[in-house]
């Protein structure tokens, strides 16, 4: 017998044959799976796609930097400006196509009231995109605690 059995005579010799039946069963199952799935991988659906002319991405809008220092002085692209001139420039900027982005840079010590007034003026003038510029935190040189 190939399965080895209980030998009554006391001759206990290890069986040297490998049973390959489970391996053959697995291989046949895999073969059937591949036979079934192979045509599905090569079969494609023919679709006649429409042709559409894409528009070119619009150029990046200009960036206007509005800075507010600790003393409350305003700077339009690093040039000093007063409140009256600021309103005029914001209105002119909002009428341009494409409308420029307004980047607001304020000193750490600046009061929020002043920043809120500038934001309200920009909104009244019609500015659509307003961003805040800040400096990232500096990571400590040694982050491990001793």
C-alpha atoms as a PDB file:
ATOM      1  CA  UNK A   1       0.000   0.000   0.000  1.00  0.00           C
ATOM      2  CA  UNK A   2       1.129   3.469  -0.643  1.00  0.00           C
ATOM      3  CA  UNK A   3      -0.446   4.867   2.518  1.00  0.00           C
ATOM      4  CA  UNK A   4       1.558   2.760   4.879  1.00  0.00           C
ATOM      5  CA  UNK A   5      -0.300   0.628   7.267  1.00  0.00           C
ATOM      6  CA  UNK A   6      -0.066  -1.176  10.489  1.00  0.00           C
ATOM      7  CA  UNK A   7       2.373  -3.896   9.883  1.00  0.00           C
ATOM      8  CA  UNK A   8       1.645  -6.791  12.189  1.00  0.00           C
ATOM      9  CA  UNK A   9       5.089  -8.265  11.868  1.00  0.00           C
ATOM     10  CA  UNK A  10       6.879  -5.422  13.652  1.00  0.00           C
ATOM     11  CA  UNK A  11       8.670  -4.173  10.541  1.00  0.00           C
ATOM     12  CA  UNK A  12       8.405  -0.400  11.014  1.00  0.00           C
ATOM     13  CA  UNK A  13      10.127   1.073   7.960  1.00  0.00           C
ATOM     14  CA  UNK A  14       9.430   4.769   7.179  1.00  0.00           C
ATOM     15  CA  UNK A  15       7.592   5.357   3.918  1.00  0.00           C
ATOM     16  CA  UNK A  16       9.826   6.963   1.281  1.00  0.00           C
ATOM     17  CA  UNK A  17       7.100   7.901  -1.237  1.00  0.00           C
ATOM     18  CA  UNK A  18       5.651  11.440  -1.456  1.00  0.00           C
ATOM     19  CA  UNK A  19       1.915  11.770  -1.757  1.00  0.00           C
ATOM     20  CA  UNK A  20       1.421  14.238  -4.663  1.00  0.00           C
ATOM     21  CA  UNK A  21      -2.353  13.922  -4.899  1.00  0.00           C
ATOM     22  CA  UNK A  22      -3.131  17.172  -2.941  1.00  0.00           C
ATOM     23  CA  UNK A  23      -0.587  19.097  -5.022  1.00  0.00           C
ATOM     24  CA  UNK A  24      -2.115  17.827  -8.274  1.00  0.00           C
ATOM     25  CA  UNK A  25      -5.584  18.783  -7.039  1.00  0.00           C
ATOM     26  CA  UNK A  26      -4.461  22.338  -6.266  1.00  0.00           C
ATOM     27  CA  UNK A  27      -2.708  22.655  -9.611  1.00  0.00           C
ATOM     28  CA  UNK A  28      -5.815  21.504 -11.486  1.00  0.00           C
ATOM     29  CA  UNK A  29      -7.981  24.025  -9.638  1.00  0.00           C
ATOM     30  CA  UNK A  30      -5.524  26.816 -10.481  1.00  0.00           C
ATOM     31  CA  UNK A  31      -5.453  25.705 -14.107  1.00  0.00           C
ATOM     32  CA  UNK A  32      -9.243  25.864 -14.317  1.00  0.00           C
ATOM     33  CA  UNK A  33      -9.267  29.335 -12.732  1.00  0.00           C
ATOM     34  CA  UNK A  34      -6.688  30.601 -15.236  1.00  0.00           C
ATOM     35  CA  UNK A  35      -8.552  29.067 -18.162  1.00  0.00           C
ATOM     36  CA  UNK A  36     -11.719  30.868 -17.109  1.00  0.00           C
ATOM     37  CA  UNK A  37     -10.162  34.265 -16.299  1.00  0.00           C
ATOM     38  CA  UNK A  38      -7.653  34.570 -19.167  1.00  0.00           C
ATOM     39  CA  UNK A  39     -10.262  35.482 -21.819  1.00  0.00           C
ATOM     40  CA  UNK A  40     -11.697  38.109 -19.484  1.00  0.00           C
ATOM     41  CA  UNK A  41      -8.349  39.864 -19.226  1.00  0.00           C
ATOM     42  CA  UNK A  42      -7.892  40.147 -22.973  1.00  0.00           C
ATOM     43  CA  UNK A  43     -11.476  41.049 -23.839  1.00  0.00           C
ATOM     44  CA  UNK A  44     -12.022  44.796 -24.074  1.00  0.00           C
ATOM     45  CA  UNK A  45     -15.101  46.813 -24.752  1.00  0.00           C
ATOM     46  CA  UNK A  46     -14.834  48.936 -27.874  1.00  0.00           C
ATOM     47  CA  UNK A  47     -16.078  52.436 -27.143  1.00  0.00           C
ATOM     48  CA  UNK A  48     -15.978  55.290 -29.599  1.00  0.00           C
ATOM     49  CA  UNK A  49     -15.066  58.183 -27.313  1.00  0.00           C
ATOM     50  CA  UNK A  50     -15.997  61.721 -28.266  1.00  0.00           C
ATOM     51  CA  UNK A  51     -13.274  64.236 -28.979  1.00  0.00           C
ATOM     52  CA  UNK A  52     -13.444  67.422 -26.947  1.00  0.00           C
ATOM     53  CA  UNK A  53     -11.203  70.405 -27.218  1.00  0.00           C
ATOM     54  CA  UNK A  54      -9.711  71.132 -23.828  1.00  0.00           C
ATOM     55  CA  UNK A  55      -9.114  74.625 -22.649  1.00  0.00           C
ATOM     56  CA  UNK A  56      -5.682  75.722 -21.661  1.00  0.00           C
ATOM     57  CA  UNK A  57      -5.278  76.103 -17.931  1.00  0.00           C
ATOM     58  CA  UNK A  58      -5.466  79.745 -16.995  1.00  0.00           C
ATOM     59  CA  UNK A  59      -2.254  81.369 -15.992  1.00  0.00           C
ATOM     60  CA  UNK A  60      -1.584  81.778 -12.332  1.00  0.00           C
ATOM     61  CA  UNK A  61      -2.972  85.067 -11.130  1.00  0.00           C
ATOM     62  CA  UNK A  62      -0.743  87.812  -9.902  1.00  0.00           C
ATOM     63  CA  UNK A  63      -0.002  87.891  -6.213  1.00  0.00           C
ATOM     64  CA  UNK A  64      -0.334  91.091  -4.249  1.00  0.00           C
ATOM     65  CA  UNK A  65       1.463  91.109  -0.910  1.00  0.00           C
ATOM     66  CA  UNK A  66      -0.111  93.344   1.705  1.00  0.00           C
ATOM     67  CA  UNK A  67       2.108  93.645   4.775  1.00  0.00           C
ATOM     68  CA  UNK A  68       1.204  95.111   8.135  1.00  0.00           C
ATOM     69  CA  UNK A  69       4.035  95.850  10.523  1.00  0.00           C
ATOM     70  CA  UNK A  70       4.013  96.175  14.310  1.00  0.00           C
ATOM     71  CA  UNK A  71       3.266  99.913  14.222  1.00  0.00           C
ATOM     72  CA  UNK A  72       0.247  99.395  11.952  1.00  0.00           C
ATOM     73  CA  UNK A  73       1.843 100.696   8.736  1.00  0.00           C
ATOM     74  CA  UNK A  74       0.673  99.096   5.507  1.00  0.00           C
ATOM     75  CA  UNK A  75       2.903  98.022   2.621  1.00  0.00           C
ATOM     76  CA  UNK A  76       1.529  97.127  -0.844  1.00  0.00           C
ATOM     77  CA  UNK A  77       4.170  94.880  -2.460  1.00  0.00           C
ATOM     78  CA  UNK A  78       6.798  96.369  -0.109  1.00  0.00           C
ATOM     79  CA  UNK A  79       5.814  99.977  -0.906  1.00  0.00           C
ATOM     80  CA  UNK A  80       4.280 102.052   1.894  1.00  0.00           C
ATOM     81  CA  UNK A  81       0.597 102.864   1.408  1.00  0.00           C
ATOM     82  CA  UNK A  82      -2.041 104.659   3.497  1.00  0.00           C
ATOM     83  CA  UNK A  83      -5.668 103.633   4.192  1.00  0.00           C
ATOM     84  CA  UNK A  84      -7.201 105.748   1.388  1.00  0.00           C
ATOM     85  CA  UNK A  85      -4.783 104.516  -1.245  1.00  0.00           C
ATOM     86  CA  UNK A  86      -5.278 100.950  -0.032  1.00  0.00           C
ATOM     87  CA  UNK A  87      -9.009 101.092  -0.767  1.00  0.00           C
ATOM     88  CA  UNK A  88      -8.336 102.427  -4.284  1.00  0.00           C
ATOM     89  CA  UNK A  89      -5.752  99.745  -5.018  1.00  0.00           C
ATOM     90  CA  UNK A  90      -8.001  96.978  -3.703  1.00  0.00           C
ATOM     91  CA  UNK A  91     -10.835  98.173  -5.957  1.00  0.00           C
ATOM     92  CA  UNK A  92      -8.504  98.341  -8.978  1.00  0.00           C
ATOM     93  CA  UNK A  93      -7.137  94.884  -8.216  1.00  0.00           C
ATOM     94  CA  UNK A  94     -10.609  93.372  -7.907  1.00  0.00           C
ATOM     95  CA  UNK A  95     -11.584  94.661 -11.356  1.00  0.00           C
ATOM     96  CA  UNK A  96      -8.641  92.956 -13.119  1.00  0.00           C
ATOM     97  CA  UNK A  97      -9.146  89.684 -14.981  1.00  0.00           C
ATOM     98  CA  UNK A  98      -7.968  87.267 -13.709  1.00  0.00           C
ATOM     99  CA  UNK A  99      -8.274  88.716 -10.275  1.00  0.00           C
ATOM    100  CA  UNK A 100      -5.003  88.680  -8.307  1.00  0.00           C
ATOM    101  CA  UNK A 101      -4.591  86.876  -5.025  1.00  0.00           C
ATOM    102  CA  UNK A 102      -4.113  89.017  -1.926  1.00  0.00           C
ATOM    103  CA  UNK A 103      -1.552  87.642   0.522  1.00  0.00           C
ATOM    104  CA  UNK A 104      -1.800  89.265   3.939  1.00  0.00           C
ATOM    105  CA  UNK A 105       1.341  89.307   6.062  1.00  0.00           C
ATOM    106  CA  UNK A 106       0.946  90.706   9.552  1.00  0.00           C
ATOM    107  CA  UNK A 107       3.415  91.071  12.393  1.00  0.00           C
ATOM    108  CA  UNK A 108       2.945  88.747  15.346  1.00  0.00           C
ATOM    109  CA  UNK A 109       2.228  91.692  17.652  1.00  0.00           C
ATOM    110  CA  UNK A 110      -0.446  93.195  15.370  1.00  0.00           C
ATOM    111  CA  UNK A 111      -3.900  93.538  16.907  1.00  0.00           C
ATOM    112  CA  UNK A 112      -6.601  91.389  15.361  1.00  0.00           C
ATOM    113  CA  UNK A 113      -8.865  94.437  15.008  1.00  0.00           C
ATOM    114  CA  UNK A 114      -6.542  95.930  12.402  1.00  0.00           C
ATOM    115  CA  UNK A 115      -6.366  92.642  10.443  1.00  0.00           C
ATOM    116  CA  UNK A 116     -10.159  92.320  10.542  1.00  0.00           C
ATOM    117  CA  UNK A 117     -10.534  95.859   9.147  1.00  0.00           C
ATOM    118  CA  UNK A 118      -8.183  95.062   6.263  1.00  0.00           C
ATOM    119  CA  UNK A 119     -10.098  91.855   5.518  1.00  0.00           C
ATOM    120  CA  UNK A 120     -13.409  93.753   5.553  1.00  0.00           C
ATOM    121  CA  UNK A 121     -12.002  96.408   3.188  1.00  0.00           C
ATOM    122  CA  UNK A 122     -10.768  93.707   0.805  1.00  0.00           C
ATOM    123  CA  UNK A 123     -14.169  92.025   0.837  1.00  0.00           C
ATOM    124  CA  UNK A 124     -15.973  95.330   0.190  1.00  0.00           C
ATOM    125  CA  UNK A 125     -13.625  96.008  -2.718  1.00  0.00           C
ATOM    126  CA  UNK A 126     -14.521  92.602  -4.239  1.00  0.00           C
ATOM    127  CA  UNK A 127     -11.351  90.621  -3.617  1.00  0.00           C
ATOM    128  CA  UNK A 128     -12.207  86.921  -3.930  1.00  0.00           C
ATOM    129  CA  UNK A 129      -8.962  85.250  -2.851  1.00  0.00           C
ATOM    130  CA  UNK A 130      -7.288  86.230   0.393  1.00  0.00           C
ATOM    131  CA  UNK A 131      -4.519  84.258   2.035  1.00  0.00           C
ATOM    132  CA  UNK A 132      -2.505  84.593   5.220  1.00  0.00           C
ATOM    133  CA  UNK A 133       1.256  84.232   5.127  1.00  0.00           C
ATOM    134  CA  UNK A 134       3.038  82.845   8.167  1.00  0.00           C
ATOM    135  CA  UNK A 135       6.392  81.363   9.010  1.00  0.00           C
ATOM    136  CA  UNK A 136       6.524  77.650   9.905  1.00  0.00           C
ATOM    137  CA  UNK A 137       7.582  76.628  13.384  1.00  0.00           C
ATOM    138  CA  UNK A 138      11.235  75.839  13.649  1.00  0.00           C
ATOM    139  CA  UNK A 139      11.830  72.256  14.682  1.00  0.00           C
ATOM    140  CA  UNK A 140      14.135  71.864  17.678  1.00  0.00           C
ATOM    141  CA  UNK A 141      17.630  70.708  16.841  1.00  0.00           C
ATOM    142  CA  UNK A 142      17.470  67.768  19.224  1.00  0.00           C
ATOM    143  CA  UNK A 143      14.019  66.235  19.537  1.00  0.00           C
ATOM    144  CA  UNK A 144      15.035  63.459  21.920  1.00  0.00           C
ATOM    145  CA  UNK A 145      14.596  64.035  25.636  1.00  0.00           C
ATOM    146  CA  UNK A 146      17.489  63.018  27.838  1.00  0.00           C
END
